[in-house]
């Protein structure tokens, strides 16, 4: 990410989540604030995201967030009362948090966070007392240090949402963050997505990846970190996690898209996977 610049990727993800609210019924992710947060300045982008060819992308963005929020719900049910959203972007969970006992910490690159806070204010969305903003560059400061500075209790279990971030990190930053989470007390967990290396993809998925990677590189957000599923399993076990689940397209389709009358489902073939790991 270019220094001092807000994330364009975060904006695209938010636009796709908003388009999902308009185009699909029933929704995979109920996010009544998605459109309000965007305001009226992205009508053309929203129109493109509503096009039939964009259906797969907006379905995945919705399913990815829903999966993470479902795992968070399990953690809260087990007694977790802290949730850190790493690389929060324009995520709206903190403003529609249904868990009365849950404190939310939004961790993000300072420029992206400043931009988001301006959008929240412009939209007239109230900032709840349960939300704490944490400006942090993962390449320059370790997660635990940044969280401790704003009152996050490192001695109590927590859940971490880390969506749309890992592929853009260096391996050093990824491993440091993973180790920091694994040092949390038992009952803590993390949910994130990761990318497969281009050479692992079939021709059709490789073409999609190449177009996406080229555009992101031009915007200063290159995809640079890749894993195979067995490599990720090893990384998580080495860091100190004891229970690991990885899900791909087939599992997400079975979990969230089965029996839909509109035929909405994710295309076959994975560009990567979602992982959830517990301490």
C-alpha atoms as a PDB file:
ATOM      1  CA  UNK A   1       0.000   0.000   0.000  1.00  0.00           C
ATOM      2  CA  UNK A   2       1.325   3.425  -0.868  1.00  0.00           C
ATOM      3  CA  UNK A   3       2.176   5.545   2.147  1.00  0.00           C
ATOM      4  CA  UNK A   4      -0.521   8.058   3.030  1.00  0.00           C
ATOM      5  CA  UNK A   5      -3.084   6.605   0.615  1.00  0.00           C
ATOM      6  CA  UNK A   6      -6.401   5.022   1.577  1.00  0.00           C
ATOM      7  CA  UNK A   7      -7.081   1.536   0.267  1.00  0.00           C
ATOM      8  CA  UNK A   8      -8.906   1.319  -3.066  1.00  0.00           C
ATOM      9  CA  UNK A   9      -9.425  -2.384  -2.419  1.00  0.00           C
ATOM     10  CA  UNK A  10     -11.405  -1.558   0.722  1.00  0.00           C
ATOM     11  CA  UNK A  11     -13.697   0.648  -1.353  1.00  0.00           C
ATOM     12  CA  UNK A  12     -14.318  -2.048  -3.964  1.00  0.00           C
ATOM     13  CA  UNK A  13     -15.159  -4.594  -1.293  1.00  0.00           C
ATOM     14  CA  UNK A  14     -17.625  -2.165   0.308  1.00  0.00           C
ATOM     15  CA  UNK A  15     -19.269  -1.470  -3.055  1.00  0.00           C
ATOM     16  CA  UNK A  16     -19.769  -5.192  -3.660  1.00  0.00           C
ATOM     17  CA  UNK A  17     -21.256  -5.696  -0.204  1.00  0.00           C
ATOM     18  CA  UNK A  18     -23.622  -2.797  -0.883  1.00  0.00           C
ATOM     19  CA  UNK A  19     -24.587  -4.214  -4.281  1.00  0.00           C
ATOM     20  CA  UNK A  20     -25.433  -7.511  -2.599  1.00  0.00           C
ATOM     21  CA  UNK A  21     -27.965  -5.685  -0.408  1.00  0.00           C
ATOM     22  CA  UNK A  22     -29.752  -4.470  -3.545  1.00  0.00           C
ATOM     23  CA  UNK A  23     -29.493  -7.479  -5.823  1.00  0.00           C
ATOM     24  CA  UNK A  24     -29.950 -10.667  -3.791  1.00  0.00           C
ATOM     25  CA  UNK A  25     -32.921 -11.861  -1.755  1.00  0.00           C
ATOM     26  CA  UNK A  26     -32.548 -13.455   0.709  1.00  0.00           C
ATOM     27  CA  UNK A  27     -29.202 -11.867   1.505  1.00  0.00           C
ATOM     28  CA  UNK A  28     -26.223 -13.892   2.636  1.00  0.00           C
ATOM     29  CA  UNK A  29     -25.076 -10.920   4.745  1.00  0.00           C
ATOM     30  CA  UNK A  30     -27.571  -8.476   6.205  1.00  0.00           C
ATOM     31  CA  UNK A  31     -25.794  -5.115   6.172  1.00  0.00           C
ATOM     32  CA  UNK A  32     -28.280  -2.217   6.246  1.00  0.00           C
ATOM     33  CA  UNK A  33     -25.449   0.308   6.691  1.00  0.00           C
ATOM     34  CA  UNK A  34     -23.470  -0.652   3.573  1.00  0.00           C
ATOM     35  CA  UNK A  35     -25.309   1.731   1.229  1.00  0.00           C
ATOM     36  CA  UNK A  36     -25.606   4.492   3.806  1.00  0.00           C
ATOM     37  CA  UNK A  37     -21.859   4.498   4.405  1.00  0.00           C
ATOM     38  CA  UNK A  38     -21.052   4.803   0.692  1.00  0.00           C
ATOM     39  CA  UNK A  39     -23.330   7.807   0.260  1.00  0.00           C
ATOM     40  CA  UNK A  40     -24.169   9.106  -3.199  1.00  0.00           C
ATOM     41  CA  UNK A  41     -20.719   9.422  -4.715  1.00  0.00           C
ATOM     42  CA  UNK A  42     -20.302   5.912  -6.097  1.00  0.00           C
ATOM     43  CA  UNK A  43     -23.416   5.378  -8.221  1.00  0.00           C
ATOM     44  CA  UNK A  44     -21.506   4.276 -11.337  1.00  0.00           C
ATOM     45  CA  UNK A  45     -19.317   1.880  -9.357  1.00  0.00           C
ATOM     46  CA  UNK A  46     -22.376   0.450  -7.642  1.00  0.00           C
ATOM     47  CA  UNK A  47     -24.106  -0.025 -10.993  1.00  0.00           C
ATOM     48  CA  UNK A  48     -21.122  -2.012 -12.306  1.00  0.00           C
ATOM     49  CA  UNK A  49     -21.087  -4.152  -9.156  1.00  0.00           C
ATOM     50  CA  UNK A  50     -24.772  -4.969  -9.721  1.00  0.00           C
ATOM     51  CA  UNK A  51     -24.121  -6.310 -13.231  1.00  0.00           C
ATOM     52  CA  UNK A  52     -24.658 -10.077 -13.730  1.00  0.00           C
ATOM     53  CA  UNK A  53     -20.970 -10.652 -14.502  1.00  0.00           C
ATOM     54  CA  UNK A  54     -20.073  -9.236 -11.076  1.00  0.00           C
ATOM     55  CA  UNK A  55     -22.430 -11.608  -9.270  1.00  0.00           C
ATOM     56  CA  UNK A  56     -19.722 -14.056  -8.217  1.00  0.00           C
ATOM     57  CA  UNK A  57     -17.555 -11.346  -6.649  1.00  0.00           C
ATOM     58  CA  UNK A  58     -20.331  -9.782  -4.610  1.00  0.00           C
ATOM     59  CA  UNK A  59     -21.542 -13.230  -3.510  1.00  0.00           C
ATOM     60  CA  UNK A  60     -18.063 -14.127  -2.269  1.00  0.00           C
ATOM     61  CA  UNK A  61     -17.621 -10.818  -0.414  1.00  0.00           C
ATOM     62  CA  UNK A  62     -20.937 -11.373   1.349  1.00  0.00           C
ATOM     63  CA  UNK A  63     -20.184 -15.014   2.176  1.00  0.00           C
ATOM     64  CA  UNK A  64     -16.702 -14.187   3.429  1.00  0.00           C
ATOM     65  CA  UNK A  65     -18.006 -11.603   5.894  1.00  0.00           C
ATOM     66  CA  UNK A  66     -20.913 -13.833   6.937  1.00  0.00           C
ATOM     67  CA  UNK A  67     -18.536 -16.723   7.657  1.00  0.00           C
ATOM     68  CA  UNK A  68     -16.332 -14.533   9.853  1.00  0.00           C
ATOM     69  CA  UNK A  69     -19.299 -13.061  11.724  1.00  0.00           C
ATOM     70  CA  UNK A  70     -20.746 -16.531  12.305  1.00  0.00           C
ATOM     71  CA  UNK A  71     -17.441 -17.691  13.811  1.00  0.00           C
ATOM     72  CA  UNK A  72     -17.402 -14.532  15.951  1.00  0.00           C
ATOM     73  CA  UNK A  73     -20.875 -15.438  17.201  1.00  0.00           C
ATOM     74  CA  UNK A  74     -19.544 -18.826  18.317  1.00  0.00           C
ATOM     75  CA  UNK A  75     -16.726 -17.104  20.186  1.00  0.00           C
ATOM     76  CA  UNK A  76     -19.078 -14.668  21.926  1.00  0.00           C
ATOM     77  CA  UNK A  77     -21.346 -17.554  22.928  1.00  0.00           C
ATOM     78  CA  UNK A  78     -18.279 -19.159  24.539  1.00  0.00           C
ATOM     79  CA  UNK A  79     -17.555 -15.986  26.543  1.00  0.00           C
ATOM     80  CA  UNK A  80     -15.311 -13.865  24.305  1.00  0.00           C
ATOM     81  CA  UNK A  81     -15.951 -10.129  24.771  1.00  0.00           C
ATOM     82  CA  UNK A  82     -13.260  -8.538  22.531  1.00  0.00           C
ATOM     83  CA  UNK A  83     -13.271  -8.463  18.728  1.00  0.00           C
ATOM     84  CA  UNK A  84     -10.404  -6.978  16.720  1.00  0.00           C
ATOM     85  CA  UNK A  85     -11.074  -6.335  13.020  1.00  0.00           C
ATOM     86  CA  UNK A  86      -7.680  -6.253  11.335  1.00  0.00           C
ATOM     87  CA  UNK A  87      -7.619  -4.230   8.134  1.00  0.00           C
ATOM     88  CA  UNK A  88     -11.185  -3.116   8.843  1.00  0.00           C
ATOM     89  CA  UNK A  89     -11.562  -1.014   5.696  1.00  0.00           C
ATOM     90  CA  UNK A  90     -15.209   0.013   5.317  1.00  0.00           C
ATOM     91  CA  UNK A  91     -16.566  -2.905   7.312  1.00  0.00           C
ATOM     92  CA  UNK A  92     -19.739  -1.911   9.184  1.00  0.00           C
ATOM     93  CA  UNK A  93     -19.926  -4.626  11.858  1.00  0.00           C
ATOM     94  CA  UNK A  94     -18.941  -2.292  14.692  1.00  0.00           C
ATOM     95  CA  UNK A  95     -21.971  -0.093  13.929  1.00  0.00           C
ATOM     96  CA  UNK A  96     -24.468  -2.978  13.785  1.00  0.00           C
ATOM     97  CA  UNK A  97     -22.909  -5.126  16.518  1.00  0.00           C
ATOM     98  CA  UNK A  98     -25.693  -7.329  17.983  1.00  0.00           C
ATOM     99  CA  UNK A  99     -23.640  -8.472  21.000  1.00  0.00           C
ATOM    100  CA  UNK A 100     -24.174  -6.163  23.976  1.00  0.00           C
ATOM    101  CA  UNK A 101     -21.082  -7.411  25.821  1.00  0.00           C
ATOM    102  CA  UNK A 102     -18.684  -7.165  22.852  1.00  0.00           C
ATOM    103  CA  UNK A 103     -16.040  -4.449  22.503  1.00  0.00           C
ATOM    104  CA  UNK A 104     -14.848  -3.897  18.930  1.00  0.00           C
ATOM    105  CA  UNK A 105     -11.390  -2.668  17.939  1.00  0.00           C
ATOM    106  CA  UNK A 106     -10.967  -1.564  14.317  1.00  0.00           C
ATOM    107  CA  UNK A 107      -7.321  -1.876  13.293  1.00  0.00           C
ATOM    108  CA  UNK A 108      -6.230  -0.370   9.987  1.00  0.00           C
ATOM    109  CA  UNK A 109      -3.635   1.563   8.040  1.00  0.00           C
ATOM    110  CA  UNK A 110      -3.850   5.154   9.345  1.00  0.00           C
ATOM    111  CA  UNK A 111      -4.791   6.795   6.017  1.00  0.00           C
ATOM    112  CA  UNK A 112      -7.530   4.243   5.339  1.00  0.00           C
ATOM    113  CA  UNK A 113      -8.914   4.647   8.845  1.00  0.00           C
ATOM    114  CA  UNK A 114      -8.974   8.440   8.626  1.00  0.00           C
ATOM    115  CA  UNK A 115     -10.850   8.191   5.309  1.00  0.00           C
ATOM    116  CA  UNK A 116     -13.366   5.735   6.766  1.00  0.00           C
ATOM    117  CA  UNK A 117     -14.005   7.917   9.818  1.00  0.00           C
ATOM    118  CA  UNK A 118     -14.789  10.816   7.496  1.00  0.00           C
ATOM    119  CA  UNK A 119     -17.271   8.666   5.578  1.00  0.00           C
ATOM    120  CA  UNK A 120     -18.937   7.536   8.807  1.00  0.00           C
ATOM    121  CA  UNK A 121     -19.340  11.148   9.922  1.00  0.00           C
ATOM    122  CA  UNK A 122     -20.658  12.249   6.507  1.00  0.00           C
ATOM    123  CA  UNK A 123     -23.215   9.438   6.543  1.00  0.00           C
ATOM    124  CA  UNK A 124     -24.461  10.476   9.986  1.00  0.00           C
ATOM    125  CA  UNK A 125     -23.715   7.060  11.460  1.00  0.00           C
ATOM    126  CA  UNK A 126     -23.297   7.203  15.222  1.00  0.00           C
ATOM    127  CA  UNK A 127     -20.046   5.778  16.580  1.00  0.00           C
ATOM    128  CA  UNK A 128     -20.931   3.390  19.429  1.00  0.00           C
ATOM    129  CA  UNK A 129     -19.087   3.505  22.737  1.00  0.00           C
ATOM    130  CA  UNK A 130     -18.125  -0.141  22.189  1.00  0.00           C
ATOM    131  CA  UNK A 131     -15.890   0.808  19.220  1.00  0.00           C
ATOM    132  CA  UNK A 132     -12.232   1.792  19.475  1.00  0.00           C
ATOM    133  CA  UNK A 133     -10.205   2.828  16.425  1.00  0.00           C
ATOM    134  CA  UNK A 134      -6.623   1.548  16.256  1.00  0.00           C
ATOM    135  CA  UNK A 135      -4.427   3.168  13.548  1.00  0.00           C
ATOM    136  CA  UNK A 136      -1.643   0.703  12.781  1.00  0.00           C
ATOM    137  CA  UNK A 137       0.697  -0.246   9.922  1.00  0.00           C
ATOM    138  CA  UNK A 138       1.260  -4.023  10.185  1.00  0.00           C
ATOM    139  CA  UNK A 139       4.674  -3.639   8.534  1.00  0.00           C
ATOM    140  CA  UNK A 140       5.923  -1.150  11.152  1.00  0.00           C
ATOM    141  CA  UNK A 141       4.348  -2.105  14.496  1.00  0.00           C
ATOM    142  CA  UNK A 142       3.291  -5.441  15.942  1.00  0.00           C
ATOM    143  CA  UNK A 143      -0.405  -5.999  16.552  1.00  0.00           C
ATOM    144  CA  UNK A 144      -0.216  -6.676  20.291  1.00  0.00           C
ATOM    145  CA  UNK A 145       1.669  -3.449  20.906  1.00  0.00           C
ATOM    146  CA  UNK A 146      -0.869  -1.383  18.968  1.00  0.00           C
ATOM    147  CA  UNK A 147      -3.833  -2.993  20.704  1.00  0.00           C
ATOM    148  CA  UNK A 148      -2.375  -2.669  24.194  1.00  0.00           C
ATOM    149  CA  UNK A 149      -1.940   1.079  23.679  1.00  0.00           C
ATOM    150  CA  UNK A 150      -5.724   1.574  23.344  1.00  0.00           C
ATOM    151  CA  UNK A 151      -6.961  -0.581  26.221  1.00  0.00           C
ATOM    152  CA  UNK A 152      -7.312  -3.989  24.590  1.00  0.00           C
ATOM    153  CA  UNK A 153      -6.916  -6.607  27.347  1.00  0.00           C
ATOM    154  CA  UNK A 154      -4.213  -9.067  26.249  1.00  0.00           C
ATOM    155  CA  UNK A 155      -5.034 -11.225  29.272  1.00  0.00           C
ATOM    156  CA  UNK A 156      -8.576 -12.062  28.137  1.00  0.00           C
ATOM    157  CA  UNK A 157      -9.691 -14.175  25.145  1.00  0.00           C
ATOM    158  CA  UNK A 158     -10.513 -12.348  21.914  1.00  0.00           C
ATOM    159  CA  UNK A 159     -11.573 -13.052  18.356  1.00  0.00           C
ATOM    160  CA  UNK A 160      -9.821 -11.546  15.338  1.00  0.00           C
ATOM    161  CA  UNK A 161     -11.349 -10.923  11.905  1.00  0.00           C
ATOM    162  CA  UNK A 162      -8.646 -10.516   9.255  1.00  0.00           C
ATOM    163  CA  UNK A 163     -10.373 -10.483   5.878  1.00  0.00           C
ATOM    164  CA  UNK A 164      -8.834  -9.245   2.645  1.00  0.00           C
ATOM    165  CA  UNK A 165      -5.449  -8.480   4.209  1.00  0.00           C
ATOM    166  CA  UNK A 166      -3.094 -11.483   4.240  1.00  0.00           C
ATOM    167  CA  UNK A 167      -2.374 -11.588   0.465  1.00  0.00           C
ATOM    168  CA  UNK A 168      -1.018  -8.018   0.606  1.00  0.00           C
ATOM    169  CA  UNK A 169       1.377  -8.551   3.526  1.00  0.00           C
ATOM    170  CA  UNK A 170       5.000  -9.586   3.620  1.00  0.00           C
ATOM    171  CA  UNK A 171       5.593 -13.005   5.119  1.00  0.00           C
ATOM    172  CA  UNK A 172       7.367 -11.357   8.073  1.00  0.00           C
ATOM    173  CA  UNK A 173       4.319  -9.224   8.923  1.00  0.00           C
ATOM    174  CA  UNK A 174       1.960 -12.178   8.474  1.00  0.00           C
ATOM    175  CA  UNK A 175       3.938 -14.465  10.760  1.00  0.00           C
ATOM    176  CA  UNK A 176       4.407 -11.773  13.413  1.00  0.00           C
ATOM    177  CA  UNK A 177       0.678 -11.033  13.493  1.00  0.00           C
ATOM    178  CA  UNK A 178      -0.203 -14.718  13.612  1.00  0.00           C
ATOM    179  CA  UNK A 179       2.187 -15.318  16.520  1.00  0.00           C
ATOM    180  CA  UNK A 180       0.724 -12.329  18.360  1.00  0.00           C
ATOM    181  CA  UNK A 181      -2.795 -13.733  18.086  1.00  0.00           C
ATOM    182  CA  UNK A 182      -1.650 -17.225  19.109  1.00  0.00           C
ATOM    183  CA  UNK A 183      -0.241 -15.749  22.330  1.00  0.00           C
ATOM    184  CA  UNK A 184      -3.749 -14.783  23.416  1.00  0.00           C
ATOM    185  CA  UNK A 185      -5.463 -16.889  26.117  1.00  0.00           C
ATOM    186  CA  UNK A 186      -7.245 -20.146  25.315  1.00  0.00           C
ATOM    187  CA  UNK A 187     -10.583 -19.586  23.611  1.00  0.00           C
ATOM    188  CA  UNK A 188      -9.212 -16.906  21.315  1.00  0.00           C
ATOM    189  CA  UNK A 189      -9.539 -17.320  17.548  1.00  0.00           C
ATOM    190  CA  UNK A 190      -8.878 -15.751  14.154  1.00  0.00           C
ATOM    191  CA  UNK A 191     -10.632 -15.886  10.796  1.00  0.00           C
ATOM    192  CA  UNK A 192      -8.878 -14.816   7.585  1.00  0.00           C
ATOM    193  CA  UNK A 193      -8.617 -15.538   3.884  1.00  0.00           C
ATOM    194  CA  UNK A 194      -5.507 -16.282   1.852  1.00  0.00           C
ATOM    195  CA  UNK A 195      -4.587 -16.689  -1.802  1.00  0.00           C
ATOM    196  CA  UNK A 196      -3.261 -19.674  -3.734  1.00  0.00           C
ATOM    197  CA  UNK A 197      -0.108 -19.170  -5.798  1.00  0.00           C
ATOM    198  CA  UNK A 198      -0.923 -18.463  -9.476  1.00  0.00           C
ATOM    199  CA  UNK A 199       0.730 -21.679 -10.631  1.00  0.00           C
ATOM    200  CA  UNK A 200      -1.720 -23.678  -8.485  1.00  0.00           C
ATOM    201  CA  UNK A 201      -4.730 -22.340 -10.421  1.00  0.00           C
ATOM    202  CA  UNK A 202      -6.441 -23.785 -13.463  1.00  0.00           C
ATOM    203  CA  UNK A 203      -6.468 -21.758 -16.719  1.00  0.00           C
ATOM    204  CA  UNK A 204      -9.796 -19.983 -16.097  1.00  0.00           C
ATOM    205  CA  UNK A 205      -9.036 -19.034 -12.500  1.00  0.00           C
ATOM    206  CA  UNK A 206      -5.475 -18.065 -13.450  1.00  0.00           C
ATOM    207  CA  UNK A 207      -6.821 -15.604 -16.025  1.00  0.00           C
ATOM    208  CA  UNK A 208      -9.072 -14.019 -13.378  1.00  0.00           C
ATOM    209  CA  UNK A 209      -6.181 -13.801 -10.940  1.00  0.00           C
ATOM    210  CA  UNK A 210      -3.801 -12.273 -13.483  1.00  0.00           C
ATOM    211  CA  UNK A 211      -6.244  -9.485 -14.379  1.00  0.00           C
ATOM    212  CA  UNK A 212      -6.919  -8.731 -10.723  1.00  0.00           C
ATOM    213  CA  UNK A 213      -3.247  -8.828  -9.721  1.00  0.00           C
ATOM    214  CA  UNK A 214      -2.214  -6.511 -12.557  1.00  0.00           C
ATOM    215  CA  UNK A 215      -4.795  -3.894 -11.591  1.00  0.00           C
ATOM    216  CA  UNK A 216      -3.946  -4.044  -7.886  1.00  0.00           C
ATOM    217  CA  UNK A 217      -0.230  -3.744  -8.545  1.00  0.00           C
ATOM    218  CA  UNK A 218      -0.817  -0.567 -10.564  1.00  0.00           C
ATOM    219  CA  UNK A 219      -2.765   0.846  -7.630  1.00  0.00           C
ATOM    220  CA  UNK A 220       0.047   0.153  -5.187  1.00  0.00           C
ATOM    221  CA  UNK A 221      -1.572  -2.854  -3.481  1.00  0.00           C
ATOM    222  CA  UNK A 222       0.227  -5.866  -4.998  1.00  0.00           C
ATOM    223  CA  UNK A 223      -0.743  -9.422  -4.091  1.00  0.00           C
ATOM    224  CA  UNK A 224       2.500 -10.854  -2.762  1.00  0.00           C
ATOM    225  CA  UNK A 225       1.836 -13.648  -0.255  1.00  0.00           C
ATOM    226  CA  UNK A 226       0.544 -17.097  -1.246  1.00  0.00           C
ATOM    227  CA  UNK A 227      -0.028 -20.423   0.490  1.00  0.00           C
ATOM    228  CA  UNK A 228      -1.144 -23.934  -0.324  1.00  0.00           C
ATOM    229  CA  UNK A 229      -3.623 -25.452   2.182  1.00  0.00           C
ATOM    230  CA  UNK A 230      -1.047 -27.811   3.694  1.00  0.00           C
ATOM    231  CA  UNK A 231       1.420 -24.928   4.070  1.00  0.00           C
ATOM    232  CA  UNK A 232      -1.209 -22.856   5.872  1.00  0.00           C
ATOM    233  CA  UNK A 233      -2.025 -25.752   8.185  1.00  0.00           C
ATOM    234  CA  UNK A 234       1.683 -25.962   9.076  1.00  0.00           C
ATOM    235  CA  UNK A 235       1.898 -22.189   9.647  1.00  0.00           C
ATOM    236  CA  UNK A 236      -1.058 -22.212  12.014  1.00  0.00           C
ATOM    237  CA  UNK A 237       0.145 -25.227  13.978  1.00  0.00           C
ATOM    238  CA  UNK A 238       3.649 -23.779  14.243  1.00  0.00           C
ATOM    239  CA  UNK A 239       2.263 -20.466  15.525  1.00  0.00           C
ATOM    240  CA  UNK A 240       0.455 -22.267  18.345  1.00  0.00           C
ATOM    241  CA  UNK A 241      -3.146 -22.778  17.191  1.00  0.00           C
ATOM    242  CA  UNK A 242      -4.756 -26.066  18.206  1.00  0.00           C
ATOM    243  CA  UNK A 243      -7.929 -26.294  16.116  1.00  0.00           C
ATOM    244  CA  UNK A 244      -7.977 -25.302  12.461  1.00  0.00           C
ATOM    245  CA  UNK A 245     -10.707 -25.300   9.789  1.00  0.00           C
ATOM    246  CA  UNK A 246     -10.221 -24.329   6.147  1.00  0.00           C
ATOM    247  CA  UNK A 247     -13.136 -23.814   3.765  1.00  0.00           C
ATOM    248  CA  UNK A 248     -13.328 -23.195   0.041  1.00  0.00           C
ATOM    249  CA  UNK A 249     -15.998 -22.710  -2.584  1.00  0.00           C
ATOM    250  CA  UNK A 250     -17.691 -26.084  -2.115  1.00  0.00           C
ATOM    251  CA  UNK A 251     -18.043 -25.641   1.640  1.00  0.00           C
ATOM    252  CA  UNK A 252     -19.325 -22.064   1.334  1.00  0.00           C
ATOM    253  CA  UNK A 253     -21.874 -23.098  -1.295  1.00  0.00           C
ATOM    254  CA  UNK A 254     -23.149 -25.886   0.958  1.00  0.00           C
ATOM    255  CA  UNK A 255     -23.281 -23.628   3.998  1.00  0.00           C
ATOM    256  CA  UNK A 256     -24.829 -20.461   2.557  1.00  0.00           C
ATOM    257  CA  UNK A 257     -26.162 -21.014  -0.966  1.00  0.00           C
ATOM    258  CA  UNK A 258     -27.995 -24.354  -0.865  1.00  0.00           C
ATOM    259  CA  UNK A 259     -31.624 -24.331  -1.962  1.00  0.00           C
ATOM    260  CA  UNK A 260     -31.738 -20.751  -3.224  1.00  0.00           C
ATOM    261  CA  UNK A 261     -34.449 -20.115  -5.797  1.00  0.00           C
ATOM    262  CA  UNK A 262     -32.338 -17.497  -7.613  1.00  0.00           C
ATOM    263  CA  UNK A 263     -29.499 -19.957  -8.230  1.00  0.00           C
ATOM    264  CA  UNK A 264     -26.934 -17.729  -6.509  1.00  0.00           C
ATOM    265  CA  UNK A 265     -23.772 -19.653  -5.720  1.00  0.00           C
ATOM    266  CA  UNK A 266     -20.016 -19.312  -6.016  1.00  0.00           C
ATOM    267  CA  UNK A 267     -18.302 -20.475  -9.198  1.00  0.00           C
ATOM    268  CA  UNK A 268     -16.386 -23.733  -8.945  1.00  0.00           C
ATOM    269  CA  UNK A 269     -12.669 -23.545  -8.353  1.00  0.00           C
ATOM    270  CA  UNK A 270     -10.843 -21.655  -5.624  1.00  0.00           C
ATOM    271  CA  UNK A 271      -8.539 -18.663  -5.822  1.00  0.00           C
ATOM    272  CA  UNK A 272      -7.775 -19.300  -2.146  1.00  0.00           C
ATOM    273  CA  UNK A 273      -9.471 -20.315   1.072  1.00  0.00           C
ATOM    274  CA  UNK A 274     -10.915 -19.047   4.322  1.00  0.00           C
ATOM    275  CA  UNK A 275      -9.306 -20.271   7.517  1.00  0.00           C
ATOM    276  CA  UNK A 276     -10.414 -20.153  11.141  1.00  0.00           C
ATOM    277  CA  UNK A 277      -8.052 -21.162  13.918  1.00  0.00           C
ATOM    278  CA  UNK A 278      -8.482 -21.365  17.687  1.00  0.00           C
ATOM    279  CA  UNK A 279      -5.962 -21.061  20.503  1.00  0.00           C
END
